[in-house]
Amino acid sequence: MCAMGSPGIKMAVMYTAMAPARRSKLSIAFTSTMRVLFTTLLFTAGGMGAGLFLGIVGTIVYGMIRGSQIDMTNAYKHVAIPVAICTGAIALVGSALLEVRARRQRTSL
């Protein structure tokens, strides 16, 4: 067995002077589009979850204050879906802007 400081097998790492592989414009556009859509999907799902939670809490509090029957469909219709649409739209625009900015910085260097 070799101790930590004793000489063992040395591995030589060879670096080649090859240029990195060039990606096609179609590949770059496809991956950028997929990143934007995936980010939008994640933020929309998170917005739906957060909106539904707040809608349920709000509906319960409203029902307790009014002393009437609690209708949970209002949590979906009037809170969760609009919140999901808003967060999805903001995420779509924001991730598209970030993707364009990142692409410009990559090509300018």
PDB file of N, CA and C in Angstrom:
ATOM      1  N   MET A   1       0.834  -1.177   0.000  1.00  0.00           N
ATOM      2  CA  MET A   1       0.000   0.000   0.000  1.00  0.00           C
ATOM      3  C   MET A   1       0.877   1.236   0.000  1.00  0.00           C
ATOM      4  N   CYS A   2       0.419   2.219  -0.678  1.00  0.00           N
ATOM      5  CA  CYS A   2       1.169   3.468  -0.768  1.00  0.00           C
ATOM      6  C   CYS A   2       0.674   4.445   0.285  1.00  0.00           C
ATOM      7  N   ALA A   3       1.608   5.129   0.914  1.00  0.00           N
ATOM      8  CA  ALA A   3       1.243   6.175   1.856  1.00  0.00           C
ATOM      9  C   ALA A   3       0.921   7.434   1.066  1.00  0.00           C
ATOM     10  N   MET A   4       0.359   8.431   1.732  1.00  0.00           N
ATOM     11  CA  MET A   4      -0.046   9.646   1.041  1.00  0.00           C
ATOM     12  C   MET A   4       1.114  10.350   0.359  1.00  0.00           C
ATOM     13  N   GLY A   5       2.246  10.442   1.008  1.00  0.00           N
ATOM     14  CA  GLY A   5       3.364  11.198   0.463  1.00  0.00           C
ATOM     15  C   GLY A   5       4.257  10.400  -0.465  1.00  0.00           C
ATOM     16  N   SER A   6       4.108   9.094  -0.511  1.00  0.00           N
ATOM     17  CA  SER A   6       5.016   8.290  -1.326  1.00  0.00           C
ATOM     18  C   SER A   6       4.656   8.386  -2.799  1.00  0.00           C
ATOM     19  N   PRO A   7       5.674   8.242  -3.633  1.00  0.00           N
ATOM     20  CA  PRO A   7       5.399   8.329  -5.063  1.00  0.00           C
ATOM     21  C   PRO A   7       4.576   7.125  -5.517  1.00  0.00           C
ATOM     22  N   GLY A   8       3.592   7.377  -6.284  1.00  0.00           N
ATOM     23  CA  GLY A   8       2.729   6.325  -6.800  1.00  0.00           C
ATOM     24  C   GLY A   8       2.692   6.417  -8.312  1.00  0.00           C
ATOM     25  N   ILE A   9       1.639   5.998  -8.876  1.00  0.00           N
ATOM     26  CA  ILE A   9       1.489   6.063 -10.321  1.00  0.00           C
ATOM     27  C   ILE A   9       1.156   7.496 -10.687  1.00  0.00           C
ATOM     28  N   LYS A  10       1.913   8.026 -11.602  1.00  0.00           N
ATOM     29  CA  LYS A  10       1.670   9.393 -12.038  1.00  0.00           C
ATOM     30  C   LYS A  10       0.875   9.357 -13.335  1.00  0.00           C
ATOM     31  N   MET A  11      -0.144  10.170 -13.369  1.00  0.00           N
ATOM     32  CA  MET A  11      -0.972  10.241 -14.570  1.00  0.00           C
ATOM     33  C   MET A  11      -0.624  11.514 -15.318  1.00  0.00           C
ATOM     34  N   ALA A  12      -0.351  11.371 -16.566  1.00  0.00           N
ATOM     35  CA  ALA A  12      -0.043  12.527 -17.397  1.00  0.00           C
ATOM     36  C   ALA A  12      -1.314  12.967 -18.114  1.00  0.00           C
ATOM     37  N   VAL A  13      -1.595  14.230 -18.007  1.00  0.00           N
ATOM     38  CA  VAL A  13      -2.755  14.777 -18.692  1.00  0.00           C
ATOM     39  C   VAL A  13      -2.244  15.553 -19.893  1.00  0.00           C
ATOM     40  N   MET A  14      -2.736  15.176 -21.022  1.00  0.00           N
ATOM     41  CA  MET A  14      -2.296  15.842 -22.252  1.00  0.00           C
ATOM     42  C   MET A  14      -3.360  16.844 -22.671  1.00  0.00           C
ATOM     43  N   TYR A  15      -2.917  18.049 -22.901  1.00  0.00           N
ATOM     44  CA  TYR A  15      -3.811  19.083 -23.398  1.00  0.00           C
ATOM     45  C   TYR A  15      -3.544  19.265 -24.876  1.00  0.00           C
ATOM     46  N   THR A  16      -4.580  19.242 -25.647  1.00  0.00           N
ATOM     47  CA  THR A  16      -4.412  19.432 -27.079  1.00  0.00           C
ATOM     48  C   THR A  16      -4.806  20.849 -27.444  1.00  0.00           C
ATOM     49  N   ALA A  17      -4.312  21.301 -28.537  1.00  0.00           N
ATOM     50  CA  ALA A  17      -4.581  22.660 -28.992  1.00  0.00           C
ATOM     51  C   ALA A  17      -5.774  22.692 -29.938  1.00  0.00           C
ATOM     52  N   MET A  18      -6.704  21.782 -29.731  1.00  0.00           N
ATOM     53  CA  MET A  18      -7.885  21.743 -30.593  1.00  0.00           C
ATOM     54  C   MET A  18      -8.832  22.867 -30.215  1.00  0.00           C
ATOM     55  N   ALA A  19      -9.452  23.431 -31.209  1.00  0.00           N
ATOM     56  CA  ALA A  19     -10.455  24.462 -30.975  1.00  0.00           C
ATOM     57  C   ALA A  19     -11.743  23.788 -30.502  1.00  0.00           C
ATOM     58  N   PRO A  20     -12.507  24.447 -29.661  1.00  0.00           N
ATOM     59  CA  PRO A  20     -13.774  23.849 -29.235  1.00  0.00           C
ATOM     60  C   PRO A  20     -14.716  23.683 -30.431  1.00  0.00           C
ATOM     61  N   ALA A  21     -15.556  22.686 -30.349  1.00  0.00           N
ATOM     62  CA  ALA A  21     -16.472  22.403 -31.450  1.00  0.00           C
ATOM     63  C   ALA A  21     -17.455  23.556 -31.613  1.00  0.00           C
ATOM     64  N   ARG A  22     -17.709  23.951 -32.839  1.00  0.00           N
ATOM     65  CA  ARG A  22     -18.634  25.034 -33.134  1.00  0.00           C
ATOM     66  C   ARG A  22     -20.046  24.478 -33.203  1.00  0.00           C
ATOM     67  N   ARG A  23     -20.961  25.152 -32.547  1.00  0.00           N
ATOM     68  CA  ARG A  23     -22.357  24.732 -32.580  1.00  0.00           C
ATOM     69  C   ARG A  23     -23.071  25.470 -33.698  1.00  0.00           C
ATOM     70  N   SER A  24     -24.022  24.802 -34.297  1.00  0.00           N
ATOM     71  CA  SER A  24     -24.780  25.435 -35.367  1.00  0.00           C
ATOM     72  C   SER A  24     -25.766  26.437 -34.780  1.00  0.00           C
ATOM     73  N   LYS A  25     -26.197  27.365 -35.621  1.00  0.00           N
ATOM     74  CA  LYS A  25     -27.164  28.371 -35.170  1.00  0.00           C
ATOM     75  C   LYS A  25     -28.493  27.727 -34.798  1.00  0.00           C
ATOM     76  N   LEU A  26     -28.854  26.663 -35.506  1.00  0.00           N
ATOM     77  CA  LEU A  26     -30.090  25.957 -35.189  1.00  0.00           C
ATOM     78  C   LEU A  26     -30.009  25.305 -33.813  1.00  0.00           C
ATOM     79  N   SER A  27     -28.860  24.712 -33.492  1.00  0.00           N
ATOM     80  CA  SER A  27     -28.661  24.090 -32.182  1.00  0.00           C
ATOM     81  C   SER A  27     -28.718  25.126 -31.060  1.00  0.00           C
ATOM     82  N   ILE A  28     -28.107  26.256 -31.282  1.00  0.00           N
ATOM     83  CA  ILE A  28     -28.109  27.324 -30.278  1.00  0.00           C
ATOM     84  C   ILE A  28     -29.524  27.859 -30.068  1.00  0.00           C
ATOM     85  N   ALA A  29     -30.246  28.070 -31.163  1.00  0.00           N
ATOM     86  CA  ALA A  29     -31.626  28.572 -31.056  1.00  0.00           C
ATOM     87  C   ALA A  29     -32.522  27.559 -30.359  1.00  0.00           C
ATOM     88  N   PHE A  30     -32.345  26.282 -30.675  1.00  0.00           N
ATOM     89  CA  PHE A  30     -33.170  25.250 -30.060  1.00  0.00           C
ATOM     90  C   PHE A  30     -32.916  25.157 -28.558  1.00  0.00           C
ATOM     91  N   THR A  31     -31.649  25.122 -28.142  1.00  0.00           N
ATOM     92  CA  THR A  31     -31.348  25.006 -26.716  1.00  0.00           C
ATOM     93  C   THR A  31     -31.779  26.254 -25.949  1.00  0.00           C
ATOM     94  N   SER A  32     -31.625  27.422 -26.558  1.00  0.00           N
ATOM     95  CA  SER A  32     -32.071  28.654 -25.894  1.00  0.00           C
ATOM     96  C   SER A  32     -33.581  28.654 -25.725  1.00  0.00           C
ATOM     97  N   THR A  33     -34.293  28.227 -26.762  1.00  0.00           N
ATOM     98  CA  THR A  33     -35.755  28.161 -26.678  1.00  0.00           C
ATOM     99  C   THR A  33     -36.199  27.171 -25.611  1.00  0.00           C
ATOM    100  N   MET A  34     -35.543  26.027 -25.546  1.00  0.00           N
ATOM    101  CA  MET A  34     -35.907  25.024 -24.545  1.00  0.00           C
ATOM    102  C   MET A  34     -35.636  25.535 -23.134  1.00  0.00           C
ATOM    103  N   ARG A  35     -34.540  26.251 -22.933  1.00  0.00           N
ATOM    104  CA  ARG A  35     -34.242  26.819 -21.613  1.00  0.00           C
ATOM    105  C   ARG A  35     -35.296  27.843 -21.205  1.00  0.00           C
ATOM    106  N   VAL A  36     -35.692  28.686 -22.147  1.00  0.00           N
ATOM    107  CA  VAL A  36     -36.713  29.704 -21.853  1.00  0.00           C
ATOM    108  C   VAL A  36     -38.041  29.034 -21.524  1.00  0.00           C
ATOM    109  N   LEU A  37     -38.449  28.044 -22.307  1.00  0.00           N
ATOM    110  CA  LEU A  37     -39.728  27.372 -22.061  1.00  0.00           C
ATOM    111  C   LEU A  37     -39.716  26.583 -20.754  1.00  0.00           C
ATOM    112  N   PHE A  38     -38.599  25.940 -20.437  1.00  0.00           N
ATOM    113  CA  PHE A  38     -38.505  25.188 -19.190  1.00  0.00           C
ATOM    114  C   PHE A  38     -38.563  26.118 -17.986  1.00  0.00           C
ATOM    115  N   THR A  39     -37.869  27.238 -18.060  1.00  0.00           N
ATOM    116  CA  THR A  39     -37.908  28.217 -16.976  1.00  0.00           C
ATOM    117  C   THR A  39     -39.325  28.765 -16.803  1.00  0.00           C
ATOM    118  N   THR A  40     -39.979  29.054 -17.925  1.00  0.00           N
ATOM    119  CA  THR A  40     -41.350  29.549 -17.871  1.00  0.00           C
ATOM    120  C   THR A  40     -42.279  28.525 -17.228  1.00  0.00           C
ATOM    121  N   LEU A  41     -42.108  27.265 -17.602  1.00  0.00           N
ATOM    122  CA  LEU A  41     -42.929  26.203 -17.023  1.00  0.00           C
ATOM    123  C   LEU A  41     -42.723  26.089 -15.521  1.00  0.00           C
ATOM    124  N   LEU A  42     -41.478  26.150 -15.078  1.00  0.00           N
ATOM    125  CA  LEU A  42     -41.200  26.050 -13.644  1.00  0.00           C
ATOM    126  C   LEU A  42     -41.805  27.215 -12.864  1.00  0.00           C
ATOM    127  N   PHE A  43     -41.637  28.426 -13.375  1.00  0.00           N
ATOM    128  CA  PHE A  43     -42.179  29.583 -12.672  1.00  0.00           C
ATOM    129  C   PHE A  43     -43.701  29.594 -12.707  1.00  0.00           C
ATOM    130  N   THR A  44     -44.297  29.122 -13.804  1.00  0.00           N
ATOM    131  CA  THR A  44     -45.755  29.050 -13.876  1.00  0.00           C
ATOM    132  C   THR A  44     -46.291  28.044 -12.868  1.00  0.00           C
ATOM    133  N   ALA A  45     -45.645  26.900 -12.770  1.00  0.00           N
ATOM    134  CA  ALA A  45     -46.073  25.892 -11.795  1.00  0.00           C
ATOM    135  C   ALA A  45     -45.902  26.409 -10.369  1.00  0.00           C
ATOM    136  N   GLY A  46     -44.807  27.078 -10.101  1.00  0.00           N
ATOM    137  CA  GLY A  46     -44.607  27.668  -8.773  1.00  0.00           C
ATOM    138  C   GLY A  46     -45.625  28.745  -8.469  1.00  0.00           C
ATOM    139  N   GLY A  47     -45.948  29.561  -9.474  1.00  0.00           N
ATOM    140  CA  GLY A  47     -46.973  30.587  -9.297  1.00  0.00           C
ATOM    141  C   GLY A  47     -48.339  29.990  -9.059  1.00  0.00           C
ATOM    142  N   MET A  48     -48.625  28.886  -9.740  1.00  0.00           N
ATOM    143  CA  MET A  48     -49.911  28.205  -9.535  1.00  0.00           C
ATOM    144  C   MET A  48     -49.995  27.655  -8.106  1.00  0.00           C
ATOM    145  N   GLY A  49     -48.906  27.049  -7.639  1.00  0.00           N
ATOM    146  CA  GLY A  49     -48.892  26.511  -6.278  1.00  0.00           C
ATOM    147  C   GLY A  49     -49.026  27.592  -5.229  1.00  0.00           C
ATOM    148  N   ALA A  50     -48.254  28.670  -5.387  1.00  0.00           N
ATOM    149  CA  ALA A  50     -48.318  29.764  -4.419  1.00  0.00           C
ATOM    150  C   ALA A  50     -49.672  30.459  -4.475  1.00  0.00           C
ATOM    151  N   GLY A  51     -50.199  30.662  -5.680  1.00  0.00           N
ATOM    152  CA  GLY A  51     -51.500  31.299  -5.826  1.00  0.00           C
ATOM    153  C   GLY A  51     -52.615  30.451  -5.245  1.00  0.00           C
ATOM    154  N   LEU A  52     -52.519  29.132  -5.426  1.00  0.00           N
ATOM    155  CA  LEU A  52     -53.541  28.253  -4.875  1.00  0.00           C
ATOM    156  C   LEU A  52     -53.502  28.263  -3.349  1.00  0.00           C
ATOM    157  N   PHE A  53     -52.297  28.242  -2.797  1.00  0.00           N
ATOM    158  CA  PHE A  53     -52.168  28.301  -1.337  1.00  0.00           C
ATOM    159  C   PHE A  53     -52.769  29.593  -0.791  1.00  0.00           C
ATOM    160  N   LEU A  54     -52.395  30.721  -1.395  1.00  0.00           N
ATOM    161  CA  LEU A  54     -52.935  32.006  -0.934  1.00  0.00           C
ATOM    162  C   LEU A  54     -54.434  32.095  -1.175  1.00  0.00           C
ATOM    163  N   GLY A  55     -54.902  31.523  -2.285  1.00  0.00           N
ATOM    164  CA  GLY A  55     -56.334  31.529  -2.566  1.00  0.00           C
ATOM    165  C   GLY A  55     -57.117  30.715  -1.568  1.00  0.00           C
ATOM    166  N   ILE A  56     -56.597  29.564  -1.183  1.00  0.00           N
ATOM    167  CA  ILE A  56     -57.277  28.729  -0.194  1.00  0.00           C
ATOM    168  C   ILE A  56     -57.316  29.431   1.161  1.00  0.00           C
ATOM    169  N   VAL A  57     -56.183  29.989   1.566  1.00  0.00           N
ATOM    170  CA  VAL A  57     -56.148  30.709   2.846  1.00  0.00           C
ATOM    171  C   VAL A  57     -57.111  31.897   2.815  1.00  0.00           C
ATOM    172  N   GLY A  58     -57.090  32.646   1.718  1.00  0.00           N
ATOM    173  CA  GLY A  58     -57.984  33.795   1.598  1.00  0.00           C
ATOM    174  C   GLY A  58     -59.444  33.396   1.574  1.00  0.00           C
ATOM    175  N   THR A  59     -59.755  32.297   0.887  1.00  0.00           N
ATOM    176  CA  THR A  59     -61.139  31.830   0.830  1.00  0.00           C
ATOM    177  C   THR A  59     -61.624  31.372   2.196  1.00  0.00           C
ATOM    178  N   ILE A  60     -60.768  30.706   2.935  1.00  0.00           N
ATOM    179  CA  ILE A  60     -61.145  30.259   4.281  1.00  0.00           C
ATOM    180  C   ILE A  60     -61.368  31.455   5.203  1.00  0.00           C
ATOM    181  N   VAL A  61     -60.461  32.423   5.152  1.00  0.00           N
ATOM    182  CA  VAL A  61     -60.614  33.616   5.997  1.00  0.00           C
ATOM    183  C   VAL A  61     -61.872  34.378   5.610  1.00  0.00           C
ATOM    184  N   TYR A  62     -62.115  34.530   4.308  1.00  0.00           N
ATOM    185  CA  TYR A  62     -63.311  35.238   3.839  1.00  0.00           C
ATOM    186  C   TYR A  62     -64.584  34.506   4.265  1.00  0.00           C
ATOM    187  N   GLY A  63     -64.567  33.181   4.169  1.00  0.00           N
ATOM    188  CA  GLY A  63     -65.718  32.394   4.596  1.00  0.00           C
ATOM    189  C   GLY A  63     -65.962  32.489   6.091  1.00  0.00           C
ATOM    190  N   MET A  64     -64.886  32.533   6.862  1.00  0.00           N
ATOM    191  CA  MET A  64     -65.037  32.657   8.318  1.00  0.00           C
ATOM    192  C   MET A  64     -65.580  34.033   8.702  1.00  0.00           C
ATOM    193  N   ILE A  65     -65.133  35.071   8.012  1.00  0.00           N
ATOM    194  CA  ILE A  65     -65.594  36.429   8.328  1.00  0.00           C
ATOM    195  C   ILE A  65     -67.070  36.586   7.967  1.00  0.00           C
ATOM    196  N   ARG A  66     -67.435  36.112   6.782  1.00  0.00           N
ATOM    197  CA  ARG A  66     -68.833  36.252   6.349  1.00  0.00           C
ATOM    198  C   ARG A  66     -69.742  35.228   7.003  1.00  0.00           C
ATOM    199  N   GLY A  67     -69.191  34.127   7.456  1.00  0.00           N
ATOM    200  CA  GLY A  67     -69.993  33.086   8.074  1.00  0.00           C
ATOM    201  C   GLY A  67     -70.822  32.311   7.063  1.00  0.00           C
ATOM    202  N   SER A  68     -70.341  32.241   5.844  1.00  0.00           N
ATOM    203  CA  SER A  68     -71.087  31.557   4.785  1.00  0.00           C
ATOM    204  C   SER A  68     -70.346  30.291   4.342  1.00  0.00           C
ATOM    205  N   GLN A  69     -70.970  29.596   3.403  1.00  0.00           N
ATOM    206  CA  GLN A  69     -70.384  28.378   2.844  1.00  0.00           C
ATOM    207  C   GLN A  69     -69.097  28.725   2.090  1.00  0.00           C
ATOM    208  N   ILE A  70     -68.068  27.900   2.279  1.00  0.00           N
ATOM    209  CA  ILE A  70     -66.781  28.128   1.633  1.00  0.00           C
ATOM    210  C   ILE A  70     -66.794  27.422   0.276  1.00  0.00           C
ATOM    211  N   ASP A  71     -66.528  28.175  -0.793  1.00  0.00           N
ATOM    212  CA  ASP A  71     -66.484  27.628  -2.141  1.00  0.00           C
ATOM    213  C   ASP A  71     -65.037  27.668  -2.625  1.00  0.00           C
ATOM    214  N   MET A  72     -64.398  26.504  -2.643  1.00  0.00           N
ATOM    215  CA  MET A  72     -62.979  26.429  -2.996  1.00  0.00           C
ATOM    216  C   MET A  72     -62.707  26.661  -4.487  1.00  0.00           C
ATOM    217  N   THR A  73     -63.731  26.592  -5.327  1.00  0.00           N
ATOM    218  CA  THR A  73     -63.480  26.858  -6.748  1.00  0.00           C
ATOM    219  C   THR A  73     -63.050  28.298  -6.977  1.00  0.00           C
ATOM    220  N   ASN A  74     -63.441  29.190  -6.069  1.00  0.00           N
ATOM    221  CA  ASN A  74     -62.997  30.580  -6.187  1.00  0.00           C
ATOM    222  C   ASN A  74     -61.489  30.701  -6.008  1.00  0.00           C
ATOM    223  N   ALA A  75     -60.897  29.827  -5.209  1.00  0.00           N
ATOM    224  CA  ALA A  75     -59.448  29.858  -5.022  1.00  0.00           C
ATOM    225  C   ALA A  75     -58.739  29.559  -6.337  1.00  0.00           C
ATOM    226  N   TYR A  76     -59.289  28.642  -7.124  1.00  0.00           N
ATOM    227  CA  TYR A  76     -58.713  28.336  -8.433  1.00  0.00           C
ATOM    228  C   TYR A  76     -59.005  29.439  -9.438  1.00  0.00           C
ATOM    229  N   LYS A  77     -60.291  29.765  -9.584  1.00  0.00           N
ATOM    230  CA  LYS A  77     -60.730  30.669 -10.640  1.00  0.00           C
ATOM    231  C   LYS A  77     -60.201  32.087 -10.492  1.00  0.00           C
ATOM    232  N   HIS A  78     -60.261  32.615  -9.275  1.00  0.00           N
ATOM    233  CA  HIS A  78     -59.994  34.030  -9.084  1.00  0.00           C
ATOM    234  C   HIS A  78     -58.611  34.353  -8.521  1.00  0.00           C
ATOM    235  N   VAL A  79     -57.895  33.336  -8.058  1.00  0.00           N
ATOM    236  CA  VAL A  79     -56.578  33.622  -7.478  1.00  0.00           C
ATOM    237  C   VAL A  79     -55.480  32.817  -8.183  1.00  0.00           C
ATOM    238  N   ALA A  80     -55.565  31.492  -8.153  1.00  0.00           N
ATOM    239  CA  ALA A  80     -54.459  30.645  -8.609  1.00  0.00           C
ATOM    240  C   ALA A  80     -54.169  30.796 -10.099  1.00  0.00           C
ATOM    241  N   ILE A  81     -55.187  30.759 -10.924  1.00  0.00           N
ATOM    242  CA  ILE A  81     -54.956  30.843 -12.372  1.00  0.00           C
ATOM    243  C   ILE A  81     -54.436  32.218 -12.784  1.00  0.00           C
ATOM    244  N   PRO A  82     -55.010  33.329 -12.301  1.00  0.00           N
ATOM    245  CA  PRO A  82     -54.418  34.628 -12.663  1.00  0.00           C
ATOM    246  C   PRO A  82     -52.974  34.807 -12.160  1.00  0.00           C
ATOM    247  N   VAL A  83     -52.694  34.315 -10.954  1.00  0.00           N
ATOM    248  CA  VAL A  83     -51.318  34.415 -10.441  1.00  0.00           C
ATOM    249  C   VAL A  83     -50.370  33.591 -11.307  1.00  0.00           C
ATOM    250  N   ALA A  84     -50.793  32.397 -11.720  1.00  0.00           N
ATOM    251  CA  ALA A  84     -49.955  31.551 -12.580  1.00  0.00           C
ATOM    252  C   ALA A  84     -49.735  32.199 -13.938  1.00  0.00           C
ATOM    253  N   ILE A  85     -50.761  32.815 -14.497  1.00  0.00           N
ATOM    254  CA  ILE A  85     -50.606  33.486 -15.791  1.00  0.00           C
ATOM    255  C   ILE A  85     -49.638  34.659 -15.678  1.00  0.00           C
ATOM    256  N   CYS A  86     -49.765  35.440 -14.619  1.00  0.00           N
ATOM    257  CA  CYS A  86     -48.868  36.594 -14.426  1.00  0.00           C
ATOM    258  C   CYS A  86     -47.423  36.159 -14.213  1.00  0.00           C
ATOM    259  N   THR A  87     -47.193  35.188 -13.348  1.00  0.00           N
ATOM    260  CA  THR A  87     -45.821  34.737 -13.114  1.00  0.00           C
ATOM    261  C   THR A  87     -45.248  34.061 -14.348  1.00  0.00           C
ATOM    262  N   GLY A  88     -46.075  33.346 -15.094  1.00  0.00           N
ATOM    263  CA  GLY A  88     -45.596  32.716 -16.323  1.00  0.00           C
ATOM    264  C   GLY A  88     -45.209  33.743 -17.371  1.00  0.00           C
ATOM    265  N   ALA A  89     -46.013  34.792 -17.510  1.00  0.00           N
ATOM    266  CA  ALA A  89     -45.698  35.848 -18.481  1.00  0.00           C
ATOM    267  C   ALA A  89     -44.427  36.592 -18.090  1.00  0.00           C
ATOM    268  N   ILE A  90     -44.300  36.896 -16.814  1.00  0.00           N
ATOM    269  CA  ILE A  90     -43.091  37.583 -16.341  1.00  0.00           C
ATOM    270  C   ILE A  90     -41.869  36.695 -16.520  1.00  0.00           C
ATOM    271  N   ALA A  91     -42.009  35.407 -16.235  1.00  0.00           N
ATOM    272  CA  ALA A  91     -40.890  34.480 -16.396  1.00  0.00           C
ATOM    273  C   ALA A  91     -40.509  34.323 -17.862  1.00  0.00           C
ATOM    274  N   LEU A  92     -41.483  34.299 -18.751  1.00  0.00           N
ATOM    275  CA  LEU A  92     -41.198  34.179 -20.185  1.00  0.00           C
ATOM    276  C   LEU A  92     -40.402  35.373 -20.689  1.00  0.00           C
ATOM    277  N   VAL A  93     -40.855  36.560 -20.351  1.00  0.00           N
ATOM    278  CA  VAL A  93     -40.158  37.772 -20.793  1.00  0.00           C
ATOM    279  C   VAL A  93     -38.783  37.874 -20.140  1.00  0.00           C
ATOM    280  N   GLY A  94     -38.736  37.618 -18.831  1.00  0.00           N
ATOM    281  CA  GLY A  94     -37.457  37.730 -18.119  1.00  0.00           C
ATOM    282  C   GLY A  94     -36.423  36.731 -18.578  1.00  0.00           C
ATOM    283  N   SER A  95     -36.820  35.482 -18.761  1.00  0.00           N
ATOM    284  CA  SER A  95     -35.847  34.477 -19.196  1.00  0.00           C
ATOM    285  C   SER A  95     -35.436  34.698 -20.644  1.00  0.00           C
ATOM    286  N   ALA A  96     -36.340  35.203 -21.480  1.00  0.00           N
ATOM    287  CA  ALA A  96     -35.960  35.518 -22.860  1.00  0.00           C
ATOM    288  C   ALA A  96     -34.947  36.660 -22.889  1.00  0.00           C
ATOM    289  N   LEU A  97     -35.173  37.687 -22.070  1.00  0.00           N
ATOM    290  CA  LEU A  97     -34.214  38.797 -22.006  1.00  0.00           C
ATOM    291  C   LEU A  97     -32.853  38.331 -21.486  1.00  0.00           C
ATOM    292  N   LEU A  98     -32.854  37.509 -20.453  1.00  0.00           N
ATOM    293  CA  LEU A  98     -31.588  37.000 -19.921  1.00  0.00           C
ATOM    294  C   LEU A  98     -30.857  36.121 -20.934  1.00  0.00           C
ATOM    295  N   GLU A  99     -31.608  35.339 -21.691  1.00  0.00           N
ATOM    296  CA  GLU A  99     -30.999  34.464 -22.692  1.00  0.00           C
ATOM    297  C   GLU A  99     -30.382  35.281 -23.825  1.00  0.00           C
ATOM    298  N   VAL A 100     -31.072  36.330 -24.261  1.00  0.00           N
ATOM    299  CA  VAL A 100     -30.531  37.193 -25.315  1.00  0.00           C
ATOM    300  C   VAL A 100     -29.293  37.926 -24.812  1.00  0.00           C
ATOM    301  N   ARG A 101     -29.352  38.418 -23.573  1.00  0.00           N
ATOM    302  CA  ARG A 101     -28.197  39.121 -23.020  1.00  0.00           C
ATOM    303  C   ARG A 101     -26.997  38.190 -22.890  1.00  0.00           C
ATOM    304  N   ALA A 102     -27.226  36.977 -22.427  1.00  0.00           N
ATOM    305  CA  ALA A 102     -26.132  36.018 -22.284  1.00  0.00           C
ATOM    306  C   ALA A 102     -25.555  35.649 -23.645  1.00  0.00           C
ATOM    307  N   ARG A 103     -26.397  35.522 -24.639  1.00  0.00           N
ATOM    308  CA  ARG A 103     -25.922  35.173 -25.988  1.00  0.00           C
ATOM    309  C   ARG A 103     -25.086  36.305 -26.563  1.00  0.00           C
ATOM    310  N   ARG A 104     -25.491  37.546 -26.340  1.00  0.00           N
ATOM    311  CA  ARG A 104     -24.709  38.687 -26.835  1.00  0.00           C
ATOM    312  C   ARG A 104     -23.353  38.762 -26.168  1.00  0.00           C
ATOM    313  N   GLN A 105     -23.303  38.482 -24.868  1.00  0.00           N
ATOM    314  CA  GLN A 105     -22.024  38.522 -24.158  1.00  0.00           C
ATOM    315  C   GLN A 105     -21.101  37.406 -24.602  1.00  0.00           C
ATOM    316  N   ARG A 106     -21.649  36.230 -24.907  1.00  0.00           N
ATOM    317  CA  ARG A 106     -20.827  35.109 -25.356  1.00  0.00           C
ATOM    318  C   ARG A 106     -20.208  35.393 -26.716  1.00  0.00           C
ATOM    319  N   THR A 107     -20.959  36.027 -27.603  1.00  0.00           N
ATOM    320  CA  THR A 107     -20.429  36.256 -28.955  1.00  0.00           C
ATOM    321  C   THR A 107     -19.501  37.458 -29.013  1.00  0.00           C
ATOM    322  N   SER A 108     -19.622  38.388 -28.069  1.00  0.00           N
ATOM    323  CA  SER A 108     -18.790  39.592 -28.140  1.00  0.00           C
ATOM    324  C   SER A 108     -17.385  39.353 -27.603  1.00  0.00           C
ATOM    325  N   LEU A 109     -17.171  38.269 -26.869  1.00  0.00           N
ATOM    326  CA  LEU A 109     -15.840  38.033 -26.312  1.00  0.00           C
ATOM    327  C   LEU A 109     -14.909  37.435 -27.282  1.00  0.00           C
TER     328      LEU A 109
END
